[in-house]
């Protein structure tokens, strides 16, 4: 009986840790998908030129690769999450600027 209880408790802990590791990357994944949608929406509506879209996709791809690299050990640290959020914020500003043809003081940042 005691072995069964220990096995069940261990199983619950393992499942909990696995769930927590994937949950930490969820909001970032949602932001990445949203930005990809915004880029394709800009292309379809004509708000983005081919060159602008190519630049935005390249930046987007770099953030995705960085996310995969950070997740290679199974979880995101607070520092890694902060870095990804900062990059996603910058990309979001770029998408807005290119779609609205705003003055872009620092070229491509």
PDB file of N, CA and C in Angstrom:
ATOM      1  N   UNK A   1       0.821  -1.194   0.000  1.00  0.00           N
ATOM      2  CA  UNK A   1       0.000   0.000   0.000  1.00  0.00           C
ATOM      3  C   UNK A   1       0.864   1.255   0.000  1.00  0.00           C
ATOM      4  N   UNK A   2       1.948   1.224   0.773  1.00  0.00           N
ATOM      5  CA  UNK A   2       2.802   2.392   0.854  1.00  0.00           C
ATOM      6  C   UNK A   2       3.507   2.648  -0.482  1.00  0.00           C
ATOM      7  N   UNK A   3       3.913   1.606  -1.194  1.00  0.00           N
ATOM      8  CA  UNK A   3       4.555   1.768  -2.494  1.00  0.00           C
ATOM      9  C   UNK A   3       3.599   2.421  -3.488  1.00  0.00           C
ATOM     10  N   UNK A   4       2.350   2.030  -3.422  1.00  0.00           N
ATOM     11  CA  UNK A   4       1.349   2.581  -4.321  1.00  0.00           C
ATOM     12  C   UNK A   4       1.147   4.077  -4.045  1.00  0.00           C
ATOM     13  N   UNK A   5       1.119   4.472  -2.800  1.00  0.00           N
ATOM     14  CA  UNK A   5       0.953   5.867  -2.426  1.00  0.00           C
ATOM     15  C   UNK A   5       2.154   6.696  -2.887  1.00  0.00           C
ATOM     16  N   UNK A   6       3.338   6.177  -2.695  1.00  0.00           N
ATOM     17  CA  UNK A   6       4.543   6.881  -3.132  1.00  0.00           C
ATOM     18  C   UNK A   6       4.556   7.009  -4.649  1.00  0.00           C
ATOM     19  N   UNK A   7       4.181   5.956  -5.347  1.00  0.00           N
ATOM     20  CA  UNK A   7       4.131   5.987  -6.807  1.00  0.00           C
ATOM     21  C   UNK A   7       3.122   7.027  -7.286  1.00  0.00           C
ATOM     22  N   UNK A   8       1.951   7.070  -6.683  1.00  0.00           N
ATOM     23  CA  UNK A   8       0.919   8.023  -7.071  1.00  0.00           C
ATOM     24  C   UNK A   8       1.381   9.459  -6.810  1.00  0.00           C
ATOM     25  N   UNK A   9       1.991   9.691  -5.655  1.00  0.00           N
ATOM     26  CA  UNK A   9       2.473  11.035  -5.334  1.00  0.00           C
ATOM     27  C   UNK A   9       3.566  11.469  -6.305  1.00  0.00           C
ATOM     28  N   UNK A  10       4.457  10.570  -6.631  1.00  0.00           N
ATOM     29  CA  UNK A  10       5.526  10.879  -7.578  1.00  0.00           C
ATOM     30  C   UNK A  10       4.947  11.196  -8.947  1.00  0.00           C
ATOM     31  N   UNK A  11       3.976  10.426  -9.368  1.00  0.00           N
ATOM     32  CA  UNK A  11       3.333  10.653 -10.657  1.00  0.00           C
ATOM     33  C   UNK A  11       2.648  12.018 -10.698  1.00  0.00           C
ATOM     34  N   UNK A  12       1.988  12.380  -9.634  1.00  0.00           N
ATOM     35  CA  UNK A  12       1.310  13.681  -9.565  1.00  0.00           C
ATOM     36  C   UNK A  12       2.331  14.812  -9.635  1.00  0.00           C
ATOM     37  N   UNK A  13       3.433  14.662  -8.959  1.00  0.00           N
ATOM     38  CA  UNK A  13       4.471  15.696  -8.981  1.00  0.00           C
ATOM     39  C   UNK A  13       5.057  15.833 -10.383  1.00  0.00           C
ATOM     40  N   UNK A  14       5.317  14.727 -11.046  1.00  0.00           N
ATOM     41  CA  UNK A  14       5.895  14.769 -12.398  1.00  0.00           C
ATOM     42  C   UNK A  14       4.933  15.433 -13.372  1.00  0.00           C
ATOM     43  N   UNK A  15       3.669  15.087 -13.294  1.00  0.00           N
ATOM     44  CA  UNK A  15       2.670  15.686 -14.182  1.00  0.00           C
ATOM     45  C   UNK A  15       2.554  17.181 -13.903  1.00  0.00           C
ATOM     46  N   UNK A  16       2.578  17.552 -12.633  1.00  0.00           N
ATOM     47  CA  UNK A  16       2.507  18.965 -12.268  1.00  0.00           C
ATOM     48  C   UNK A  16       3.676  19.761 -12.799  1.00  0.00           C
ATOM     49  N   UNK A  17       4.874  19.203 -12.701  1.00  0.00           N
ATOM     50  CA  UNK A  17       6.053  19.897 -13.218  1.00  0.00           C
ATOM     51  C   UNK A  17       6.012  20.015 -14.737  1.00  0.00           C
ATOM     52  N   UNK A  18       5.558  18.981 -15.403  1.00  0.00           N
ATOM     53  CA  UNK A  18       5.457  19.028 -16.865  1.00  0.00           C
ATOM     54  C   UNK A  18       4.438  20.071 -17.300  1.00  0.00           C
ATOM     55  N   UNK A  19       3.325  20.140 -16.593  1.00  0.00           N
ATOM     56  CA  UNK A  19       2.288  21.113 -16.920  1.00  0.00           C
ATOM     57  C   UNK A  19       2.789  22.522 -16.672  1.00  0.00           C
ATOM     58  N   UNK A  20       3.499  22.755 -15.583  1.00  0.00           N
ATOM     59  CA  UNK A  20       4.010  24.087 -15.258  1.00  0.00           C
ATOM     60  C   UNK A  20       5.027  24.547 -16.292  1.00  0.00           C
ATOM     61  N   UNK A  21       5.840  23.642 -16.793  1.00  0.00           N
ATOM     62  CA  UNK A  21       6.836  24.007 -17.792  1.00  0.00           C
ATOM     63  C   UNK A  21       6.214  24.450 -19.099  1.00  0.00           C
ATOM     64  N   UNK A  22       5.152  23.813 -19.516  1.00  0.00           N
ATOM     65  CA  UNK A  22       4.512  24.196 -20.766  1.00  0.00           C
ATOM     66  C   UNK A  22       3.637  25.419 -20.579  1.00  0.00           C
ATOM     67  N   UNK A  23       3.085  25.612 -19.397  1.00  0.00           N
ATOM     68  CA  UNK A  23       2.217  26.760 -19.165  1.00  0.00           C
ATOM     69  C   UNK A  23       2.999  28.065 -19.192  1.00  0.00           C
ATOM     70  N   UNK A  24       4.261  28.038 -18.827  1.00  0.00           N
ATOM     71  CA  UNK A  24       5.034  29.269 -18.790  1.00  0.00           C
ATOM     72  C   UNK A  24       5.291  29.826 -20.182  1.00  0.00           C
ATOM     73  N   UNK A  25       5.244  29.005 -21.187  1.00  0.00           N
ATOM     74  CA  UNK A  25       5.512  29.459 -22.546  1.00  0.00           C
ATOM     75  C   UNK A  25       4.233  29.817 -23.296  1.00  0.00           C
ATOM     76  N   UNK A  26       3.085  29.574 -22.720  1.00  0.00           N
ATOM     77  CA  UNK A  26       1.811  29.786 -23.396  1.00  0.00           C
ATOM     78  C   UNK A  26       1.543  31.196 -23.869  1.00  0.00           C
ATOM     79  N   UNK A  27       1.586  32.203 -22.976  1.00  0.00           N
ATOM     80  CA  UNK A  27       1.297  33.571 -23.420  1.00  0.00           C
ATOM     81  C   UNK A  27       2.267  34.076 -24.485  1.00  0.00           C
ATOM     82  N   UNK A  28       3.507  33.663 -24.412  1.00  0.00           N
ATOM     83  CA  UNK A  28       4.471  34.075 -25.428  1.00  0.00           C
ATOM     84  C   UNK A  28       4.114  33.474 -26.775  1.00  0.00           C
ATOM     85  N   UNK A  29       3.721  32.221 -26.782  1.00  0.00           N
ATOM     86  CA  UNK A  29       3.319  31.562 -28.028  1.00  0.00           C
ATOM     87  C   UNK A  29       2.125  32.282 -28.646  1.00  0.00           C
ATOM     88  N   UNK A  30       1.207  32.709 -27.809  1.00  0.00           N
ATOM     89  CA  UNK A  30       0.022  33.409 -28.293  1.00  0.00           C
ATOM     90  C   UNK A  30       0.404  34.760 -28.912  1.00  0.00           C
ATOM     91  N   UNK A  31       1.336  35.466 -28.285  1.00  0.00           N
ATOM     92  CA  UNK A  31       1.799  36.745 -28.831  1.00  0.00           C
ATOM     93  C   UNK A  31       2.510  36.544 -30.157  1.00  0.00           C
ATOM     94  N   UNK A  32       3.315  35.495 -30.251  1.00  0.00           N
ATOM     95  CA  UNK A  32       4.037  35.214 -31.498  1.00  0.00           C
ATOM     96  C   UNK A  32       3.054  34.933 -32.626  1.00  0.00           C
ATOM     97  N   UNK A  33       2.036  34.122 -32.364  1.00  0.00           N
ATOM     98  CA  UNK A  33       1.032  33.822 -33.389  1.00  0.00           C
ATOM     99  C   UNK A  33       0.269  35.081 -33.780  1.00  0.00           C
ATOM    100  N   UNK A  34      -0.044  35.916 -32.801  1.00  0.00           N
ATOM    101  CA  UNK A  34      -0.771  37.151 -33.080  1.00  0.00           C
ATOM    102  C   UNK A  34       0.046  38.071 -33.973  1.00  0.00           C
ATOM    103  N   UNK A  35       1.341  38.185 -33.707  1.00  0.00           N
ATOM    104  CA  UNK A  35       2.176  39.040 -34.534  1.00  0.00           C
ATOM    105  C   UNK A  35       2.312  38.488 -35.948  1.00  0.00           C
ATOM    106  N   UNK A  36       2.424  37.176 -36.069  1.00  0.00           N
ATOM    107  CA  UNK A  36       2.484  36.579 -37.406  1.00  0.00           C
ATOM    108  C   UNK A  36       1.202  36.892 -38.180  1.00  0.00           C
ATOM    109  N   UNK A  37       0.066  36.827 -37.495  1.00  0.00           N
ATOM    110  CA  UNK A  37      -1.214  37.138 -38.130  1.00  0.00           C
ATOM    111  C   UNK A  37      -1.245  38.604 -38.561  1.00  0.00           C
ATOM    112  N   UNK A  38      -0.746  39.498 -37.718  1.00  0.00           N
ATOM    113  CA  UNK A  38      -0.731  40.926 -38.053  1.00  0.00           C
ATOM    114  C   UNK A  38       0.124  41.200 -39.288  1.00  0.00           C
ATOM    115  N   UNK A  39       1.227  40.488 -39.419  1.00  0.00           N
ATOM    116  CA  UNK A  39       2.079  40.670 -40.598  1.00  0.00           C
ATOM    117  C   UNK A  39       1.338  40.207 -41.851  1.00  0.00           C
ATOM    118  N   UNK A  40       0.759  39.016 -41.817  1.00  0.00           N
ATOM    119  CA  UNK A  40       0.045  38.503 -42.987  1.00  0.00           C
ATOM    120  C   UNK A  40      -1.191  39.334 -43.307  1.00  0.00           C
ATOM    121  N   UNK A  41      -1.846  39.863 -42.293  1.00  0.00           N
ATOM    122  CA  UNK A  41      -2.996  40.738 -42.505  1.00  0.00           C
ATOM    123  C   UNK A  41      -2.547  42.022 -43.221  1.00  0.00           C
ATOM    124  N   UNK A  42      -1.392  42.550 -42.830  1.00  0.00           N
ATOM    125  CA  UNK A  42      -0.861  43.746 -43.480  1.00  0.00           C
ATOM    126  C   UNK A  42      -0.509  43.501 -44.932  1.00  0.00           C
ATOM    127  N   UNK A  43       0.007  42.321 -45.228  1.00  0.00           N
ATOM    128  CA  UNK A  43       0.321  41.966 -46.613  1.00  0.00           C
ATOM    129  C   UNK A  43      -0.973  41.883 -47.428  1.00  0.00           C
ATOM    130  N   UNK A  44      -1.965  41.207 -46.877  1.00  0.00           N
ATOM    131  CA  UNK A  44      -3.226  41.012 -47.602  1.00  0.00           C
ATOM    132  C   UNK A  44      -3.946  42.335 -47.852  1.00  0.00           C
ATOM    133  N   UNK A  45      -3.870  43.253 -46.901  1.00  0.00           N
ATOM    134  CA  UNK A  45      -4.582  44.522 -47.062  1.00  0.00           C
ATOM    135  C   UNK A  45      -3.786  45.547 -47.872  1.00  0.00           C
ATOM    136  N   UNK A  46      -2.524  45.251 -48.127  1.00  0.00           N
ATOM    137  CA  UNK A  46      -1.693  46.180 -48.887  1.00  0.00           C
ATOM    138  C   UNK A  46      -1.029  47.238 -48.024  1.00  0.00           C
ATOM    139  N   UNK A  47      -1.173  47.150 -46.716  1.00  0.00           N
ATOM    140  CA  UNK A  47      -0.538  48.131 -45.824  1.00  0.00           C
ATOM    141  C   UNK A  47       0.970  47.915 -45.734  1.00  0.00           C
ATOM    142  N   UNK A  48       1.426  46.699 -46.026  1.00  0.00           N
ATOM    143  CA  UNK A  48       2.851  46.382 -45.983  1.00  0.00           C
ATOM    144  C   UNK A  48       3.354  46.094 -47.388  1.00  0.00           C
ATOM    145  N   UNK A  49       4.502  46.645 -47.713  1.00  0.00           N
ATOM    146  CA  UNK A  49       5.128  46.313 -48.975  1.00  0.00           C
ATOM    147  C   UNK A  49       5.863  44.982 -48.820  1.00  0.00           C
ATOM    148  N   UNK A  50       6.317  44.443 -49.938  1.00  0.00           N
ATOM    149  CA  UNK A  50       7.045  43.185 -49.901  1.00  0.00           C
ATOM    150  C   UNK A  50       8.305  43.325 -49.049  1.00  0.00           C
ATOM    151  N   UNK A  51       9.013  44.422 -49.219  1.00  0.00           N
ATOM    152  CA  UNK A  51      10.260  44.636 -48.476  1.00  0.00           C
ATOM    153  C   UNK A  51      10.000  44.771 -46.971  1.00  0.00           C
ATOM    154  N   UNK A  52       8.964  45.518 -46.602  1.00  0.00           N
ATOM    155  CA  UNK A  52       8.620  45.675 -45.184  1.00  0.00           C
ATOM    156  C   UNK A  52       8.244  44.326 -44.580  1.00  0.00           C
ATOM    157  N   UNK A  53       7.422  43.580 -45.308  1.00  0.00           N
ATOM    158  CA  UNK A  53       6.989  42.270 -44.811  1.00  0.00           C
ATOM    159  C   UNK A  53       8.166  41.327 -44.651  1.00  0.00           C
ATOM    160  N   UNK A  54       9.091  41.356 -45.597  1.00  0.00           N
ATOM    161  CA  UNK A  54      10.274  40.502 -45.509  1.00  0.00           C
ATOM    162  C   UNK A  54      11.092  40.837 -44.264  1.00  0.00           C
ATOM    163  N   UNK A  55      11.261  42.119 -43.994  1.00  0.00           N
ATOM    164  CA  UNK A  55      12.004  42.541 -42.812  1.00  0.00           C
ATOM    165  C   UNK A  55      11.283  42.085 -41.530  1.00  0.00           C
ATOM    166  N   UNK A  56       9.982  42.280 -41.476  1.00  0.00           N
ATOM    167  CA  UNK A  56       9.220  41.898 -40.284  1.00  0.00           C
ATOM    168  C   UNK A  56       9.240  40.386 -40.064  1.00  0.00           C
ATOM    169  N   UNK A  57       9.129  39.629 -41.161  1.00  0.00           N
ATOM    170  CA  UNK A  57       9.183  38.168 -41.025  1.00  0.00           C
ATOM    171  C   UNK A  57      10.538  37.696 -40.535  1.00  0.00           C
ATOM    172  N   UNK A  58      11.593  38.348 -40.991  1.00  0.00           N
ATOM    173  CA  UNK A  58      12.940  37.983 -40.537  1.00  0.00           C
ATOM    174  C   UNK A  58      13.076  38.229 -39.033  1.00  0.00           C
ATOM    175  N   UNK A  59      12.618  39.376 -38.575  1.00  0.00           N
ATOM    176  CA  UNK A  59      12.673  39.677 -37.144  1.00  0.00           C
ATOM    177  C   UNK A  59      11.817  38.695 -36.351  1.00  0.00           C
ATOM    178  N   UNK A  60      10.665  38.376 -36.896  1.00  0.00           N
ATOM    179  CA  UNK A  60       9.755  37.433 -36.255  1.00  0.00           C
ATOM    180  C   UNK A  60      10.401  36.048 -36.137  1.00  0.00           C
ATOM    181  N   UNK A  61      11.064  35.626 -37.195  1.00  0.00           N
ATOM    182  CA  UNK A  61      11.739  34.327 -37.203  1.00  0.00           C
ATOM    183  C   UNK A  61      12.843  34.279 -36.143  1.00  0.00           C
ATOM    184  N   UNK A  62      13.573  35.386 -35.968  1.00  0.00           N
ATOM    185  CA  UNK A  62      14.626  35.428 -34.960  1.00  0.00           C
ATOM    186  C   UNK A  62      14.063  35.266 -33.548  1.00  0.00           C
ATOM    187  N   UNK A  63      12.920  35.876 -33.281  1.00  0.00           N
ATOM    188  CA  UNK A  63      12.297  35.732 -31.960  1.00  0.00           C
ATOM    189  C   UNK A  63      11.851  34.290 -31.746  1.00  0.00           C
ATOM    190  N   UNK A  64      11.270  33.680 -32.773  1.00  0.00           N
ATOM    191  CA  UNK A  64      10.844  32.282 -32.643  1.00  0.00           C
ATOM    192  C   UNK A  64      12.023  31.367 -32.370  1.00  0.00           C
ATOM    193  N   UNK A  65      13.136  31.575 -33.083  1.00  0.00           N
ATOM    194  CA  UNK A  65      14.328  30.753 -32.870  1.00  0.00           C
ATOM    195  C   UNK A  65      14.872  30.943 -31.460  1.00  0.00           C
ATOM    196  N   UNK A  66      14.862  32.175 -30.980  1.00  0.00           N
ATOM    197  CA  UNK A  66      15.340  32.446 -29.629  1.00  0.00           C
ATOM    198  C   UNK A  66      14.450  31.758 -28.603  1.00  0.00           C
ATOM    199  N   UNK A  67      13.141  31.765 -28.844  1.00  0.00           N
ATOM    200  CA  UNK A  67      12.212  31.082 -27.933  1.00  0.00           C
ATOM    201  C   UNK A  67      12.494  29.582 -27.894  1.00  0.00           C
ATOM    202  N   UNK A  68      12.691  28.976 -29.062  1.00  0.00           N
ATOM    203  CA  UNK A  68      13.002  27.546 -29.110  1.00  0.00           C
ATOM    204  C   UNK A  68      14.316  27.249 -28.384  1.00  0.00           C
ATOM    205  N   UNK A  69      15.292  28.135 -28.560  1.00  0.00           N
ATOM    206  CA  UNK A  69      16.572  27.952 -27.879  1.00  0.00           C
ATOM    207  C   UNK A  69      16.394  28.026 -26.362  1.00  0.00           C
ATOM    208  N   UNK A  70      15.641  29.017 -25.897  1.00  0.00           N
ATOM    209  CA  UNK A  70      15.410  29.160 -24.459  1.00  0.00           C
ATOM    210  C   UNK A  70      14.632  27.976 -23.898  1.00  0.00           C
ATOM    211  N   UNK A  71      13.717  27.417 -24.683  1.00  0.00           N
ATOM    212  CA  UNK A  71      12.906  26.292 -24.216  1.00  0.00           C
ATOM    213  C   UNK A  71      13.606  24.948 -24.357  1.00  0.00           C
ATOM    214  N   UNK A  72      14.807  24.935 -24.902  1.00  0.00           N
ATOM    215  CA  UNK A  72      15.495  23.667 -25.134  1.00  0.00           C
ATOM    216  C   UNK A  72      15.798  22.911 -23.842  1.00  0.00           C
ATOM    217  N   UNK A  73      15.899  23.629 -22.734  1.00  0.00           N
ATOM    218  CA  UNK A  73      16.132  22.947 -21.463  1.00  0.00           C
ATOM    219  C   UNK A  73      14.833  22.606 -20.741  1.00  0.00           C
ATOM    220  N   UNK A  74      13.704  22.911 -21.336  1.00  0.00           N
ATOM    221  CA  UNK A  74      12.421  22.506 -20.784  1.00  0.00           C
ATOM    222  C   UNK A  74      11.624  23.590 -20.095  1.00  0.00           C
ATOM    223  N   UNK A  75      12.227  24.726 -19.782  1.00  0.00           N
ATOM    224  CA  UNK A  75      11.482  25.798 -19.124  1.00  0.00           C
ATOM    225  C   UNK A  75      12.107  27.152 -19.428  1.00  0.00           C
ATOM    226  N   UNK A  76      11.339  28.219 -19.156  1.00  0.00           N
ATOM    227  CA  UNK A  76      11.826  29.583 -19.341  1.00  0.00           C
ATOM    228  C   UNK A  76      12.117  30.195 -17.981  1.00  0.00           C
ATOM    229  N   UNK A  77      13.271  30.801 -17.833  1.00  0.00           N
ATOM    230  CA  UNK A  77      13.563  31.530 -16.607  1.00  0.00           C
ATOM    231  C   UNK A  77      12.921  32.909 -16.718  1.00  0.00           C
ATOM    232  N   UNK A  78      12.902  33.626 -15.618  1.00  0.00           N
ATOM    233  CA  UNK A  78      12.340  34.981 -15.644  1.00  0.00           C
ATOM    234  C   UNK A  78      13.143  35.883 -16.581  1.00  0.00           C
ATOM    235  N   UNK A  79      14.432  35.709 -16.586  1.00  0.00           N
ATOM    236  CA  UNK A  79      15.299  36.510 -17.463  1.00  0.00           C
ATOM    237  C   UNK A  79      14.991  36.225 -18.931  1.00  0.00           C
ATOM    238  N   UNK A  80      14.852  34.950 -19.284  1.00  0.00           N
ATOM    239  CA  UNK A  80      14.549  34.578 -20.666  1.00  0.00           C
ATOM    240  C   UNK A  80      13.183  35.102 -21.090  1.00  0.00           C
ATOM    241  N   UNK A  81      12.214  35.007 -20.189  1.00  0.00           N
ATOM    242  CA  UNK A  81      10.870  35.501 -20.494  1.00  0.00           C
ATOM    243  C   UNK A  81      10.899  37.017 -20.699  1.00  0.00           C
ATOM    244  N   UNK A  82      11.683  37.720 -19.878  1.00  0.00           N
ATOM    245  CA  UNK A  82      11.804  39.169 -19.998  1.00  0.00           C
ATOM    246  C   UNK A  82      12.446  39.544 -21.337  1.00  0.00           C
ATOM    247  N   UNK A  83      13.472  38.814 -21.747  1.00  0.00           N
ATOM    248  CA  UNK A  83      14.135  39.076 -23.029  1.00  0.00           C
ATOM    249  C   UNK A  83      13.157  38.873 -24.181  1.00  0.00           C
ATOM    250  N   UNK A  84      12.412  37.767 -24.141  1.00  0.00           N
ATOM    251  CA  UNK A  84      11.460  37.497 -25.216  1.00  0.00           C
ATOM    252  C   UNK A  84      10.355  38.550 -25.261  1.00  0.00           C
ATOM    253  N   UNK A  85       9.865  38.965 -24.098  1.00  0.00           N
ATOM    254  CA  UNK A  85       8.825  39.996 -24.077  1.00  0.00           C
ATOM    255  C   UNK A  85       9.340  41.311 -24.640  1.00  0.00           C
ATOM    256  N   UNK A  86      10.579  41.649 -24.322  1.00  0.00           N
ATOM    257  CA  UNK A  86      11.165  42.882 -24.853  1.00  0.00           C
ATOM    258  C   UNK A  86      11.277  42.814 -26.371  1.00  0.00           C
ATOM    259  N   UNK A  87      11.724  41.682 -26.893  1.00  0.00           N
ATOM    260  CA  UNK A  87      11.833  41.516 -28.350  1.00  0.00           C
ATOM    261  C   UNK A  87      10.452  41.551 -29.007  1.00  0.00           C
ATOM    262  N   UNK A  88       9.473  40.916 -28.374  1.00  0.00           N
ATOM    263  CA  UNK A  88       8.123  40.928 -28.938  1.00  0.00           C
ATOM    264  C   UNK A  88       7.531  42.336 -28.907  1.00  0.00           C
ATOM    265  N   UNK A  89       7.816  43.088 -27.855  1.00  0.00           N
ATOM    266  CA  UNK A  89       7.343  44.473 -27.803  1.00  0.00           C
ATOM    267  C   UNK A  89       7.946  45.289 -28.946  1.00  0.00           C
ATOM    268  N   UNK A  90       9.232  45.119 -29.175  1.00  0.00           N
ATOM    269  CA  UNK A  90       9.913  45.840 -30.247  1.00  0.00           C
ATOM    270  C   UNK A  90       9.325  45.450 -31.603  1.00  0.00           C
ATOM    271  N   UNK A  91       9.090  44.164 -31.812  1.00  0.00           N
ATOM    272  CA  UNK A  91       8.499  43.722 -33.074  1.00  0.00           C
ATOM    273  C   UNK A  91       7.095  44.276 -33.261  1.00  0.00           C
ATOM    274  N   UNK A  92       6.343  44.337 -32.190  1.00  0.00           N
ATOM    275  CA  UNK A  92       4.995  44.875 -32.271  1.00  0.00           C
ATOM    276  C   UNK A  92       5.031  46.349 -32.690  1.00  0.00           C
ATOM    277  N   UNK A  93       5.980  47.106 -32.137  1.00  0.00           N
ATOM    278  CA  UNK A  93       6.135  48.508 -32.524  1.00  0.00           C
ATOM    279  C   UNK A  93       6.500  48.619 -34.006  1.00  0.00           C
ATOM    280  N   UNK A  94       7.370  47.739 -34.471  1.00  0.00           N
ATOM    281  CA  UNK A  94       7.769  47.755 -35.879  1.00  0.00           C
ATOM    282  C   UNK A  94       6.581  47.460 -36.788  1.00  0.00           C
ATOM    283  N   UNK A  95       5.802  46.457 -36.425  1.00  0.00           N
ATOM    284  CA  UNK A  95       4.633  46.104 -37.244  1.00  0.00           C
ATOM    285  C   UNK A  95       3.695  47.301 -37.339  1.00  0.00           C
ATOM    286  N   UNK A  96       3.423  47.931 -36.206  1.00  0.00           N
ATOM    287  CA  UNK A  96       2.537  49.094 -36.202  1.00  0.00           C
ATOM    288  C   UNK A  96       3.096  50.212 -37.084  1.00  0.00           C
ATOM    289  N   UNK A  97       4.382  50.486 -36.909  1.00  0.00           N
ATOM    290  CA  UNK A  97       4.996  51.580 -37.668  1.00  0.00           C
ATOM    291  C   UNK A  97       4.953  51.316 -39.173  1.00  0.00           C
ATOM    292  N   UNK A  98       5.288  50.108 -39.575  1.00  0.00           N
ATOM    293  CA  UNK A  98       5.271  49.795 -41.002  1.00  0.00           C
ATOM    294  C   UNK A  98       3.851  49.783 -41.567  1.00  0.00           C
ATOM    295  N   UNK A  99       2.899  49.279 -40.814  1.00  0.00           N
ATOM    296  CA  UNK A  99       1.528  49.224 -41.315  1.00  0.00           C
ATOM    297  C   UNK A  99       0.914  50.615 -41.435  1.00  0.00           C
ATOM    298  N   UNK A 100       1.334  51.527 -40.580  1.00  0.00           N
ATOM    299  CA  UNK A 100       0.765  52.872 -40.597  1.00  0.00           C
ATOM    300  C   UNK A 100       1.691  53.886 -41.261  1.00  0.00           C
ATOM    301  N   UNK A 101       2.817  53.422 -41.790  1.00  0.00           N
ATOM    302  CA  UNK A 101       3.795  54.280 -42.469  1.00  0.00           C
ATOM    303  C   UNK A 101       4.161  55.494 -41.627  1.00  0.00           C
ATOM    304  N   UNK A 102       4.413  55.226 -40.350  1.00  0.00           N
ATOM    305  CA  UNK A 102       4.822  56.288 -39.434  1.00  0.00           C
ATOM    306  C   UNK A 102       6.265  56.679 -39.698  1.00  0.00           C
ATOM    307  N   UNK A 103       6.625  57.779 -39.135  1.00  0.00           N
ATOM    308  CA  UNK A 103       8.037  58.168 -39.177  1.00  0.00           C
ATOM    309  C   UNK A 103       8.793  57.175 -38.329  1.00  0.00           C
ATOM    310  N   UNK A 104       9.796  56.609 -38.899  1.00  0.00           N
ATOM    311  CA  UNK A 104      10.586  55.607 -38.189  1.00  0.00           C
ATOM    312  C   UNK A 104      11.944  56.216 -37.951  1.00  0.00           C
ATOM    313  N   UNK A 105      12.091  56.906 -36.837  1.00  0.00           N
ATOM    314  CA  UNK A 105      13.291  57.693 -36.566  1.00  0.00           C
ATOM    315  C   UNK A 105      14.563  56.864 -36.612  1.00  0.00           C
ATOM    316  N   UNK A 106      14.573  55.797 -35.910  1.00  0.00           N
ATOM    317  CA  UNK A 106      15.746  54.914 -35.932  1.00  0.00           C
ATOM    318  C   UNK A 106      15.429  53.778 -36.882  1.00  0.00           C
ATOM    319  N   UNK A 107      16.055  53.770 -38.002  1.00  0.00           N
ATOM    320  CA  UNK A 107      15.730  52.807 -39.050  1.00  0.00           C
ATOM    321  C   UNK A 107      15.858  51.383 -38.567  1.00  0.00           C
ATOM    322  N   UNK A 108      14.721  50.697 -38.502  1.00  0.00           N
ATOM    323  CA  UNK A 108      14.619  49.268 -38.159  1.00  0.00           C
ATOM    324  C   UNK A 108      15.114  48.945 -36.750  1.00  0.00           C
ATOM    325  N   UNK A 109      15.591  49.878 -36.012  1.00  0.00           N
ATOM    326  CA  UNK A 109      16.085  49.697 -34.635  1.00  0.00           C
ATOM    327  C   UNK A 109      16.987  48.530 -34.565  1.00  0.00           C
TER     328      UNK A 109
END
